[in-house]
Protein backbone atom coordinates (compact mmCIF):
# COMPACT_ATOMS: atom_id res chain seq x y z
CA MET A 1 -32.54 21.95 -31.06
CA LYS A 2 -33.98 20.09 -34.11
CA GLN A 3 -32.72 17.19 -36.10
CA ARG A 4 -34.22 14.73 -38.61
CA ARG A 5 -35.65 12.47 -35.95
CA GLY A 6 -37.64 15.30 -34.33
CA LYS A 7 -37.08 17.67 -31.37
CA GLN A 8 -34.56 17.14 -28.57
CA THR A 9 -34.82 18.53 -25.09
CA LEU A 10 -33.24 17.83 -21.75
CA LYS A 11 -34.78 14.80 -20.05
CA ILE A 12 -35.72 16.88 -17.03
CA ALA A 13 -38.15 18.86 -19.19
CA LYS A 14 -40.10 15.69 -20.00
CA LYS A 15 -40.32 14.71 -16.32
CA LEU A 16 -41.55 18.08 -15.35
CA LYS A 17 -44.21 18.16 -17.97
CA GLN A 18 -45.66 15.04 -16.50
CA THR A 19 -46.23 16.38 -13.03
CA ILE A 20 -46.35 20.20 -12.58
CA ARG A 21 -49.75 21.87 -12.01
CA ALA A 22 -48.65 25.31 -10.56
CA ALA A 23 -46.03 27.95 -10.60
CA LEU A 24 -44.96 31.07 -8.74
CA ILE A 25 -43.62 33.64 -11.21
CA PRO A 26 -42.49 37.30 -11.17
CA HIS A 27 -44.55 40.04 -12.91
CA ALA A 28 -41.99 42.72 -13.97
CA GLY A 29 -41.90 43.62 -17.68
CA ARG A 30 -40.85 41.16 -20.35
CA LEU A 31 -37.40 42.78 -20.71
CA TYR A 32 -36.62 42.31 -17.12
CA ALA A 33 -38.46 39.17 -15.87
CA GLY A 34 -39.63 37.51 -19.17
CA HIS A 35 -36.82 34.94 -19.08
CA ALA A 36 -37.63 34.03 -15.51
CA ARG A 37 -41.30 33.42 -16.40
CA TYR A 38 -40.45 31.38 -19.52
CA ALA A 39 -38.10 29.29 -17.39
CA ALA A 40 -41.18 28.13 -15.46
CA LEU A 41 -44.00 28.32 -18.07
CA ARG A 42 -42.00 26.17 -20.62
CA TYR A 43 -42.60 23.14 -18.41
CA PHE A 44 -46.39 23.25 -18.57
CA LYS A 45 -48.33 21.08 -21.07
CA LYS A 46 -49.40 22.95 -24.25
CA ASN A 47 -52.85 21.41 -24.08
CA THR A 48 -53.58 23.52 -20.96
CA LYS A 49 -57.28 24.43 -21.05
CA GLN A 50 -57.70 26.86 -18.16
CA ILE A 51 -55.35 29.17 -16.28
CA ILE A 52 -56.08 30.62 -12.89
CA TYR A 53 -53.81 33.63 -12.43
CA LEU A 54 -53.48 35.17 -8.95
CA ALA A 55 -52.22 38.70 -9.27
CA THR A 56 -50.75 41.09 -6.74
CA LEU A 57 -52.72 44.19 -5.95
CA HIS A 58 -50.95 47.55 -5.90
CA LYS A 59 -53.59 50.33 -6.33
CA ILE A 60 -56.81 48.99 -4.62
CA ASN A 61 -57.54 49.69 -1.01
CA ASN A 62 -57.63 46.88 1.54
CA THR A 63 -60.98 45.07 1.76
CA ARG A 64 -62.31 41.63 1.97
CA GLU A 65 -62.75 41.51 -1.84
CA THR A 66 -61.28 39.19 -4.39
CA TYR A 67 -61.41 41.04 -7.67
CA ILE A 68 -61.82 39.74 -11.19
CA LEU A 69 -59.23 41.56 -13.26
CA HIS A 70 -59.88 39.46 -16.38
CA LYS A 71 -62.02 36.55 -17.42
CA ASP A 72 -62.09 34.95 -20.87
CA THR A 73 -65.48 34.05 -22.42
CA GLY A 74 -66.02 30.38 -21.75
CA PHE A 75 -64.30 30.30 -18.30
CA ARG A 76 -66.94 28.90 -16.03
CA LEU A 77 -66.63 30.03 -12.41
CA GLY A 78 -69.24 27.95 -10.66
CA LYS A 79 -70.09 29.22 -7.17
CA HIS A 80 -67.85 32.13 -6.25
CA ASN A 81 -67.77 35.41 -4.32
CA PHE A 82 -65.68 37.63 -6.56
CA THR A 83 -66.11 41.28 -7.60
CA TYR A 84 -65.64 42.60 -11.11
CA THR A 85 -63.44 45.74 -11.44
CA THR A 86 -62.46 47.97 -14.35
CA LYS A 87 -59.19 49.02 -12.71
CA ARG A 88 -55.99 47.93 -14.26
CA GLU A 89 -53.25 45.90 -12.46
CA HIS A 90 -49.81 45.72 -13.92
CA SER A 91 -49.05 42.49 -12.18
CA PHE A 92 -51.40 40.79 -14.70
CA ASP A 93 -51.27 43.30 -17.63
CA TRP A 94 -47.48 42.78 -17.98
CA VAL A 95 -47.85 39.05 -18.27
CA HIS A 96 -51.07 38.58 -20.12
CA GLU A 97 -49.60 38.66 -23.60
CA GLU A 98 -47.04 36.01 -22.80
CA LEU A 99 -49.68 33.72 -21.44
CA LYS A 100 -51.70 34.12 -24.67
CA ASP A 101 -48.59 33.43 -26.71
CA LEU A 102 -47.60 30.35 -24.75
CA PHE A 103 -51.10 28.90 -24.23
CA PRO A 104 -53.22 30.08 -27.16
CA SER A 105 -56.10 27.68 -26.52
CA ALA A 106 -56.28 28.35 -22.73
CA LYS A 107 -59.09 30.31 -21.01
CA ILE A 108 -57.70 32.77 -18.42
CA LEU A 109 -59.10 33.97 -15.24
CA ALA A 110 -57.08 36.68 -13.40
CA LEU A 111 -57.93 37.17 -9.78
CA ALA A 112 -56.56 39.73 -7.24
CA PRO A 113 -57.00 39.11 -3.54
CA ASN A 114 -57.09 41.98 -1.02
CA ALA A 115 -55.39 41.79 2.27
CA GLN A 116 -58.38 40.55 4.29
CA VAL A 117 -59.53 37.88 1.87
CA GLN A 118 -60.51 34.44 3.47
CA ASN A 119 -60.95 31.03 1.99
CA LEU A 120 -59.99 31.84 -1.67
CA HIS A 121 -57.48 29.04 -1.57
CA GLN A 122 -60.32 26.51 -1.14
CA TRP A 123 -62.13 27.69 -4.21
CA ILE A 124 -58.92 27.36 -6.22
CA ILE A 125 -58.30 23.86 -4.85
CA ASN A 126 -61.80 22.77 -5.86
CA TYR A 127 -61.43 24.17 -9.26
CA LEU A 128 -58.09 22.50 -9.96
CA GLN A 129 -59.32 19.14 -8.58
CA SER A 130 -62.31 19.16 -11.00
CA HIS A 131 -60.38 20.53 -14.01
CA LYS A 132 -57.41 18.29 -14.72
CA ASN A 133 -56.15 20.35 -17.56
CA ALA A 134 -56.18 23.60 -15.47
CA ILE A 135 -53.03 25.20 -14.08
CA PHE A 136 -52.55 27.67 -11.25
CA LEU A 137 -50.11 30.62 -11.54
CA ALA A 138 -49.48 33.20 -8.87
CA THR A 139 -47.18 36.24 -9.14
CA VAL A 140 -44.86 38.06 -6.64
CA ASP A 141 -41.70 39.95 -7.02
CA LEU A 142 -39.13 39.82 -4.26
CA ILE A 143 -36.92 42.51 -2.82
CA HIS A 144 -37.25 46.04 -4.34
CA TYR A 145 -34.05 48.05 -3.58
CA GLY A 146 -32.97 51.52 -4.42
CA LYS A 147 -33.68 55.26 -4.16
CA SER A 148 -37.10 55.06 -5.90
CA PHE A 149 -38.07 52.41 -3.20
CA HIS A 150 -36.95 54.56 -0.36
CA ASN A 151 -34.59 51.97 1.09
CA THR A 152 -31.04 52.85 -0.11
CA LYS A 153 -29.40 51.47 3.06
CA TYR A 154 -31.43 48.26 3.07
CA LEU A 155 -28.79 46.09 1.40
CA SER A 156 -25.08 45.90 2.36
CA TYR A 157 -22.30 45.51 -0.18
CA PRO A 158 -22.14 43.32 -2.35
CA GLN A 159 -25.86 44.05 -2.67
CA GLN A 160 -26.77 41.07 -4.82
CA MET A 161 -25.21 38.58 -2.33
CA ASN A 162 -26.93 40.31 0.62
CA LYS A 163 -30.36 40.16 -1.12
CA THR A 164 -29.86 36.46 -1.76
CA ILE A 165 -29.09 35.83 1.95
CA LYS A 166 -32.27 37.93 2.92
CA GLU A 167 -34.45 35.95 0.57
CA GLU A 168 -33.13 32.43 0.91
CA SER A 169 -35.20 31.42 3.96
CA LEU A 170 -38.42 32.55 2.36
CA ILE A 171 -37.64 30.67 -0.89
CA LYS A 172 -36.48 27.63 1.00
CA HIS A 173 -39.78 27.55 2.86
CA ALA A 174 -41.87 28.07 -0.27
CA LEU A 175 -40.20 24.97 -1.89
CA ALA A 176 -41.73 22.76 0.80
CA PRO A 177 -45.23 24.01 1.43
CA ASN A 178 -46.26 20.82 3.16
CA THR A 179 -44.45 22.45 6.13
CA PHE A 180 -46.30 25.79 5.42
CA ASN A 181 -46.79 27.84 8.49
CA ASN A 182 -48.74 30.95 7.94
CA LYS A 183 -47.42 32.51 11.18
CA TYR A 184 -43.84 31.86 10.07
CA ILE A 185 -44.47 33.61 6.71
CA SER A 186 -46.35 36.42 8.42
CA ASP A 187 -43.61 36.94 11.06
CA LEU A 188 -40.90 36.83 8.39
CA MET A 189 -42.51 39.59 6.36
CA LYS A 190 -43.48 41.60 9.42
CA LYS A 191 -39.72 41.46 10.35
CA ASP A 192 -38.76 42.52 6.90
CA ARG A 193 -41.38 44.35 4.96
CA ASN A 194 -39.20 44.74 1.86
CA LEU A 195 -38.88 40.97 1.42
CA VAL A 196 -41.78 40.38 -0.92
CA ASP A 197 -44.17 42.37 -3.14
CA GLY A 198 -47.48 40.46 -2.67
CA PRO A 199 -47.63 38.76 0.73
CA LYS A 200 -51.36 37.91 0.40
CA THR A 201 -50.93 36.37 -2.96
CA LEU A 202 -48.01 34.34 -1.67
CA GLU A 203 -49.89 33.15 1.40
CA ILE A 204 -52.90 31.92 -0.60
CA PHE A 205 -50.70 30.26 -3.12
CA LEU A 206 -48.72 28.34 -0.46
CA LYS A 207 -52.00 27.25 1.27
CA VAL A 208 -53.09 25.72 -2.03
CA MET A 209 -49.74 23.97 -2.52
CA LYS A 210 -49.91 22.57 0.93
CA GLN A 211 -53.35 21.11 0.72
CA MET A 212 -52.69 19.68 -2.81
CA LYS A 213 -49.38 18.27 -1.51
CA LEU A 214 -47.26 19.73 -4.29
CA GLN A 215 -43.44 20.37 -3.99
CA GLY A 216 -41.47 23.10 -5.62
CA ARG A 217 -38.29 23.43 -7.65
CA VAL A 218 -36.74 26.89 -8.50
CA THR A 219 -36.43 27.25 -12.34
CA ASP A 220 -34.92 30.76 -12.38
CA TYR A 221 -33.45 33.36 -9.96
CA TYR A 222 -31.85 36.63 -10.76
CA ASP A 223 -32.60 40.34 -10.45
CA SER A 224 -33.11 43.35 -12.66
CA TYR A 225 -29.45 44.43 -12.50
CA LYS A 226 -27.86 43.26 -15.75
CA SER A 227 -31.07 41.35 -16.57
CA ARG A 228 -30.91 42.70 -20.12
CA ASP A 229 -27.21 41.88 -20.56
CA PRO A 230 -26.68 39.89 -23.83
CA ASN A 231 -24.32 37.54 -21.90
CA LEU A 232 -26.74 35.22 -20.07
CA LEU A 233 -24.18 34.14 -17.59
CA ASP A 234 -23.61 37.59 -16.18
CA ARG A 235 -27.32 37.63 -15.04
CA TYR A 236 -26.17 35.06 -12.45
CA ILE A 237 -23.01 36.55 -11.10
CA ILE A 238 -22.42 38.73 -8.06
CA SER A 239 -21.13 42.11 -9.27
CA MET A 240 -18.10 43.58 -7.49
CA GLU A 241 -19.36 47.03 -8.43
CA PRO A 242 -21.96 48.55 -5.96
CA VAL A 243 -25.54 48.00 -7.11
CA HIS A 244 -27.73 50.98 -6.42
CA LYS A 245 -31.03 49.57 -7.71
CA LEU A 246 -32.55 46.24 -8.29
CA VAL A 247 -35.81 44.17 -8.19
CA SER A 248 -35.41 40.47 -7.44
CA TYR A 249 -37.18 37.67 -9.29
CA VAL A 250 -37.83 34.05 -8.66
CA SER A 251 -39.66 31.36 -10.68
CA ILE A 252 -40.82 28.03 -8.85
CA VAL A 253 -42.78 25.18 -10.39
CA TYR A 254 -44.83 22.73 -8.32
CA GLY A 255 -45.78 19.17 -8.75
CA LYS A 256 -46.41 15.86 -6.80
CA LYS A 257 -43.30 13.98 -7.88
CA MET A 258 -40.61 16.37 -8.53
CA PRO A 259 -37.42 15.03 -10.27
CA SER A 260 -34.17 15.41 -8.48
CA ASP A 261 -32.15 16.08 -11.63
CA LEU A 262 -30.26 19.35 -11.80
CA LEU A 263 -32.13 22.12 -13.59
CA PRO A 264 -30.44 24.74 -15.94
CA ILE A 265 -30.72 27.34 -13.12
CA ASP A 266 -28.74 25.10 -10.74
CA ILE A 267 -25.96 24.98 -13.26
CA LEU A 268 -26.07 28.66 -14.18
CA LEU A 269 -25.86 29.61 -10.46
CA ALA A 270 -22.88 27.23 -10.00
CA ILE A 271 -21.03 28.64 -12.98
CA GLY A 272 -22.01 32.16 -11.95
CA LEU A 273 -20.54 31.48 -8.48
CA LEU A 274 -17.26 30.25 -10.20
CA LYS A 275 -16.96 33.46 -12.33
CA SER A 276 -17.93 35.73 -9.29
CA ILE A 277 -15.30 34.16 -7.10
CA ILE A 278 -12.63 34.53 -9.72
CA ILE A 279 -13.59 38.21 -10.20
CA GLN A 280 -13.52 38.71 -6.41
CA LYS A 281 -10.08 37.08 -6.01
CA THR A 282 -8.59 38.64 -9.05
CA PHE A 283 -9.57 42.16 -7.89
CA ARG A 284 -8.86 41.38 -4.26
CA LYS A 285 -12.33 42.18 -2.96
CA LYS A 286 -13.10 41.25 0.60
CA TYR A 287 -16.55 39.63 0.82
CA ALA A 288 -17.83 36.04 1.02
CA LEU A 289 -19.68 34.29 -1.78
CA ARG A 290 -21.78 31.11 -1.77
CA LEU A 291 -24.76 29.46 -3.39
CA PRO A 292 -28.14 30.20 -1.86
CA SER A 293 -29.09 27.66 0.86
CA TRP A 294 -32.04 26.28 -1.20
CA SER A 295 -29.80 25.19 -4.03
CA PRO A 296 -29.94 21.33 -4.37
CA LEU A 297 -26.16 21.33 -4.72
CA HIS A 298 -25.99 21.84 -0.80
CA GLN A 299 -27.74 18.36 -0.62
CA MET A 300 -25.11 16.58 -2.83
CA THR A 301 -21.55 15.56 -2.01
CA ASN A 302 -20.16 14.85 -5.47
CA GLY A 303 -16.67 15.69 -6.28
CA ILE A 304 -16.22 18.51 -8.71
CA PHE A 305 -13.74 20.07 -11.05
CA THR A 306 -13.92 23.80 -12.00
CA GLY A 307 -12.12 25.25 -15.05
CA THR A 308 -11.65 28.05 -17.42
CA SER A 309 -10.18 28.38 -20.88
CA LEU A 310 -9.45 30.97 -23.57
CA GLY A 311 -10.22 29.50 -26.90
CA GLN A 312 -8.82 26.01 -26.94
CA ARG A 313 -6.23 26.77 -24.22
CA THR A 314 -6.92 25.70 -20.56
CA THR A 315 -6.25 28.49 -18.05
CA CYS A 316 -7.54 26.74 -14.91
CA SER A 317 -8.34 23.17 -13.83
CA TYR A 318 -8.84 22.62 -10.15
CA GLY A 319 -10.95 20.07 -8.33
CA THR A 320 -12.11 18.69 -5.05
CA TYR A 321 -13.01 14.99 -4.43
CA GLU A 322 -16.19 13.82 -2.67
CA SER A 323 -16.34 14.12 1.10
CA ASP A 324 -19.03 13.42 3.59
CA GLN A 325 -17.96 16.65 5.49
CA HIS A 326 -18.51 19.03 2.45
CA SER A 327 -21.37 19.54 0.05
CA THR A 328 -21.03 19.87 -3.65
CA ALA A 329 -21.93 23.55 -3.16
CA ASP A 330 -18.90 23.97 -0.78
CA ASN A 331 -16.64 22.08 -3.21
CA ILE A 332 -17.40 24.40 -6.04
CA ARG A 333 -16.77 27.40 -3.79
CA LYS A 334 -13.48 25.96 -2.58
CA ALA A 335 -12.18 24.91 -6.00
CA ALA A 336 -13.16 28.26 -7.61
CA ALA A 337 -11.12 30.06 -4.98
CA HIS A 338 -8.04 28.25 -6.21
CA CYS A 339 -8.46 29.16 -9.87
CA PRO A 340 -6.72 32.57 -9.79
CA GLU A 341 -3.56 31.06 -8.44
CA ASP A 342 -3.79 27.99 -10.62
CA ALA A 343 -4.30 30.17 -13.72
CA ALA A 344 -1.23 32.31 -12.90
CA ARG A 345 1.20 29.63 -11.68
CA ARG A 346 0.33 26.41 -13.45
CA TRP A 347 -1.09 27.78 -16.72
CA ALA A 348 0.85 31.08 -16.86
CA THR A 349 -2.24 32.94 -17.83
CA PRO A 350 -3.32 35.26 -14.96
CA TYR A 351 -6.86 36.60 -15.05
CA THR A 352 -7.34 40.12 -16.21
CA GLY A 353 -10.32 42.43 -16.57
CA GLN A 354 -10.41 41.56 -20.31
CA ASN A 355 -9.89 37.83 -20.31
CA ILE A 356 -12.27 37.13 -17.47
CA ASN A 357 -15.21 38.12 -19.74
CA ASN A 358 -13.76 36.24 -22.72
CA SER A 359 -13.15 32.99 -20.78
CA SER A 360 -15.16 29.88 -20.97
CA TYR A 361 -16.25 28.57 -17.49
CA LYS A 362 -16.80 24.98 -16.68
CA VAL A 363 -18.05 22.92 -13.70
CA GLU A 364 -17.72 19.15 -13.92
CA PHE A 365 -19.62 16.88 -11.50
CA LEU A 366 -17.93 13.55 -10.86
CA ASP A 367 -20.31 10.57 -10.27
CA PRO A 368 -20.78 9.57 -6.55
CA LYS A 369 -17.87 7.47 -5.27
CA ALA A 370 -20.15 4.57 -4.82
CA HIS A 371 -20.46 4.27 -8.56
CA TRP A 372 -16.60 4.27 -9.18
CA LYS A 373 -14.94 1.10 -10.23
CA THR A 374 -11.58 0.09 -8.62
CA TYR A 375 -8.87 -2.17 -10.21
CA LYS A 376 -5.24 -2.89 -9.79
CA GLY A 377 -3.11 -0.49 -11.83
CA TYR A 378 -1.77 -3.01 -14.38
CA MET A 379 -5.34 -3.79 -15.35
CA ALA A 380 -5.80 -0.23 -16.83
CA PRO A 381 -5.35 -1.36 -20.51
CA GLN A 382 -8.09 -3.98 -20.15
CA GLN A 383 -10.51 -2.02 -17.97
CA PHE A 384 -10.23 1.55 -19.11
CA SER A 385 -11.61 2.97 -22.41
CA ASN A 386 -9.88 6.25 -23.49
CA ASP A 387 -12.74 7.29 -25.79
CA GLY A 388 -13.46 10.29 -23.68
CA SER A 389 -16.46 8.93 -21.80
CA SER A 390 -14.68 8.15 -18.52
CA GLY A 391 -12.00 9.60 -16.22
CA ILE A 392 -9.41 7.81 -14.32
CA LEU A 393 -7.86 8.36 -10.90
CA LEU A 394 -4.39 6.78 -10.13
CA ARG A 395 -3.11 6.12 -6.65
CA LEU A 396 0.59 5.14 -6.57
CA GLU A 397 2.13 2.87 -3.96
CA ASN A 398 3.71 5.98 -2.25
CA GLY A 399 0.23 7.49 -1.71
CA ARG A 400 0.50 10.18 -4.37
CA GLY A 401 -2.18 10.43 -6.91
CA ALA A 402 -3.69 12.29 -9.89
CA THR A 403 -6.59 12.16 -12.21
CA TYR A 404 -7.46 12.84 -15.86
CA LEU A 405 -10.95 13.94 -16.52
CA PRO A 406 -12.91 12.52 -19.49
CA SER A 407 -12.28 15.72 -21.38
CA VAL A 408 -8.49 15.11 -21.38
CA PHE A 409 -8.95 12.04 -23.39
CA ARG A 410 -11.46 13.84 -25.79
CA ASN A 411 -8.79 16.38 -26.31
CA ASN A 412 -6.07 13.78 -26.89
CA PRO A 413 -7.72 11.05 -28.89
CA TYR A 414 -4.42 9.57 -30.15
CA TRP A 415 -3.12 8.63 -26.63
CA SER A 416 -2.95 4.94 -25.95
CA VAL A 417 -3.99 3.86 -22.41
CA GLU A 418 -0.34 3.00 -21.55
CA GLU A 419 0.88 6.39 -22.69
CA ALA A 420 -1.87 8.16 -20.66
CA MET A 421 -0.91 6.20 -17.53
CA ARG A 422 2.77 7.08 -17.87
CA LYS A 423 1.77 10.84 -18.21
CA LEU A 424 -0.64 10.37 -15.29
CA THR A 425 2.23 8.82 -13.17
CA GLU A 426 4.34 11.95 -13.88
CA LYS A 427 1.43 14.19 -12.90
CA ALA A 428 1.07 12.43 -9.70
CA GLU A 429 4.85 12.69 -8.87
CA GLY A 430 4.95 16.31 -10.08
CA ARG A 431 8.25 15.95 -11.93
CA LYS A 432 9.90 14.38 -15.02
CA LEU A 433 10.54 10.59 -14.64
CA THR A 434 12.64 8.08 -16.37
CA ARG A 435 10.86 5.44 -18.45
CA LYS A 436 11.15 2.86 -15.69
CA GLU A 437 9.83 5.20 -13.17
CA GLN A 438 6.84 6.02 -15.42
CA ASP A 439 5.80 2.38 -15.07
CA ALA A 440 5.05 2.83 -11.41
CA TRP A 441 1.24 2.99 -12.32
CA LYS A 442 1.33 -0.82 -12.79
CA LYS A 443 1.81 -1.23 -9.04
CA GLY A 444 -0.72 1.34 -8.02
CA VAL A 445 -4.54 1.34 -7.91
CA ILE A 446 -6.93 2.92 -10.48
CA GLU A 447 -10.50 4.16 -10.17
CA ILE A 448 -12.61 4.64 -13.11
CA TYR A 449 -15.48 7.07 -13.06
CA ASN A 450 -17.92 8.99 -15.28
CA SER A 451 -18.76 12.70 -15.03
CA LYS A 452 -21.02 15.41 -16.35
CA SER A 453 -19.58 18.68 -17.52
CA TYR A 454 -21.24 22.03 -18.20
CA THR A 455 -19.32 24.74 -20.03
CA TRP A 456 -20.45 28.28 -20.70
CA ASP A 457 -19.13 29.48 -24.08
CA PRO A 458 -19.00 33.38 -24.06
CA GLN A 459 -18.63 33.61 -27.83
CA ARG A 460 -21.61 31.54 -28.71
CA LYS A 461 -23.45 32.51 -25.47
CA GLN A 462 -24.67 28.95 -24.78
CA MET A 463 -24.05 26.02 -22.58
CA HIS A 464 -22.16 22.94 -23.85
CA ILE A 465 -23.10 19.82 -21.96
CA PHE A 466 -21.26 16.43 -21.94
CA PRO A 467 -22.58 13.85 -22.02
CA THR A 468 -25.72 15.48 -23.46
CA GLN A 469 -28.84 14.15 -21.59
CA LEU A 470 -31.56 14.45 -24.26
CA TYR A 471 -34.73 12.63 -25.20
CA THR A 472 -36.10 12.73 -28.80
CA VAL A 473 -39.75 13.42 -29.75
CA LYS A 474 -40.88 12.49 -33.16
CA SER A 475 -41.96 15.40 -35.29
CA GLY A 476 -45.71 15.86 -35.21
CA GLN A 477 -47.77 15.08 -38.39
CA SER A 478 -49.46 17.86 -40.24
CA LYS A 479 -53.23 18.26 -40.08
CA THR A 480 -53.44 17.03 -43.73
CA ALA A 481 -51.44 13.90 -42.93
CA ARG A 482 -53.71 13.13 -39.93
CA ILE A 483 -56.83 13.58 -41.99
CA ARG A 484 -55.46 11.20 -44.70
CA LYS A 485 -54.59 8.50 -42.09
CA LYS A 486 -58.16 8.77 -40.50
CA TYR A 487 -59.73 8.54 -43.92
CA HIS A 488 -57.52 5.63 -44.84
CA LYS A 489 -58.54 3.75 -41.68
CA LYS A 490 -62.28 4.26 -42.47
CA THR A 491 -61.98 3.18 -46.12
CA LYS A 492 -59.97 0.09 -45.09
CA LYS A 493 -62.85 -1.01 -42.83
CA LYS A 494 -65.34 -0.74 -45.79
CA ARG A 495 -63.26 -2.88 -48.12
C-alpha cells in the first residue's frame, strides 16, 4: 500500500524484520504452497547475503551423506563433509526461483541430509554465527492424504479439522525449540508416519533453533484443498464437504525476540473459524470446530464480537466479554455459534448457501478489561467521544446492560452522545421506553473501551482493519539522487 510519504506496512512486519534468522517452509509447487512461503520469506531483510537451504530427500537412498544440491559461485563452505550430486530434488527445485526473485543478491547453498547424518546442525550454527547476513531455511510438508498416498482412511470427517488436530502437537513443539526433545519428535513420527514429509530435515532444523535459542511464530497454515481458490478466506475454512485428497503446509519464522502482536494468519484462522461454524450450523452438520492449540488466541482472554454483513446491512453481531475462565479462541467459537440464530431472529436475514459466500465476516477484539475506563453514567457526555474510535458499555441500576461497538458510532456520525445513550438504554432493556425511562443511563455506570476489528470483504477479497496499525517508510532515493548527494558533500568540503 503506497502513498506520498512512502510505503506503509503493518507494524508487526517491521518488528519481525529486526529479529528473524530462520524459517521452516513447505516445498510444494508455487500454485499450492507459494503463498505460504511468501508469508514467511517476506519478513526477511532484503540485504540477505547467504541462504542455507535444507531440503528434504525423496529419491536418494539412506546413507550418512549430506548432499550438495546447489551451490552458487562465491558461497564459501569452509570446512565441510558434503557430497556433490547431480540428482534433482523437487523440494529445492520447486522453490529455487522464488528465492532468486525475493533475494536477488543472495548466494544460495542447498543441502540435503540423509537419514543417518550426524552433526550437520553444528556446521550450520557455526556458519550462521560467523555470517550475520546469512539466513537458514528448511523445508518440510506435513500430512499427505488421499488415494495416491495410500492412506484413504487416515483422516476422519471433516478431514481438514482432523488433520489440524493430528498436526497441532508437532507444530506447538516446533514453536518452542528450547524445549526440543529429539526422542519426543522421533516417537511422535514413529507413532504417525504420515505426520511429516522430511523428519530428518525437521530434526536438524530444530536442533539449530534450540542451540541458537530462537523462538517461532506461525506465519501461514493451510492445505492444498482450495489452495488455488481466488477467495483467500476459503483457504482457511473447514469444508463441510468430504475432502478426498490434501497436502498440508505450515510456515514458521524464528527469531530471538519474537513480537506478541497478532499476525495475519491468526486473524485469517479466526475469521475462517467464524465462517466454518456458520456453515456447519446453517447446514446442521454434526462435528466440532476450534482453532489449533498453537494459536496465540488460546493465550488471550480478550472479549470479542463476531459479525457478518451483506453490503452495508448487518446480518449478525454477537459478542462475549472477557473472562478468566475462557480464552479468546473459545470466545470466538462460542460467539460464532450464535450467529445463525442471531441472523435469523434479530436481523431477519437467515444464512443461505448463496449469502454465506457473499457475506463480509468480522472479528473484533476488545481491549483487555484492565484498560477500560469506568465512570458514572451521567458523565458520558463529558468523558465519551462518539467519533468512532471507542466503544461504550452501559450498566443500568437494575443490572441490565448493553454495548455499542466503535463501528456503531462510525456508522452513525450524527448521533449526539445523549441520543446514543438513550438508544443504548432501550437496547439494554430490550423494549421501547418513554423519554423519562430513556434517561435511566444517567444513574447507571459506563465503561469506555477501545477495540481492533478485522473484516473480510468478499467482493474486494481483502481485509479491512480498524484502527489500521501501520508504520511509514520514506521512499528510497534513486541511484542518481544518491550519487548527486555524495558529489555535493565532496565538493562542499573542497570549497
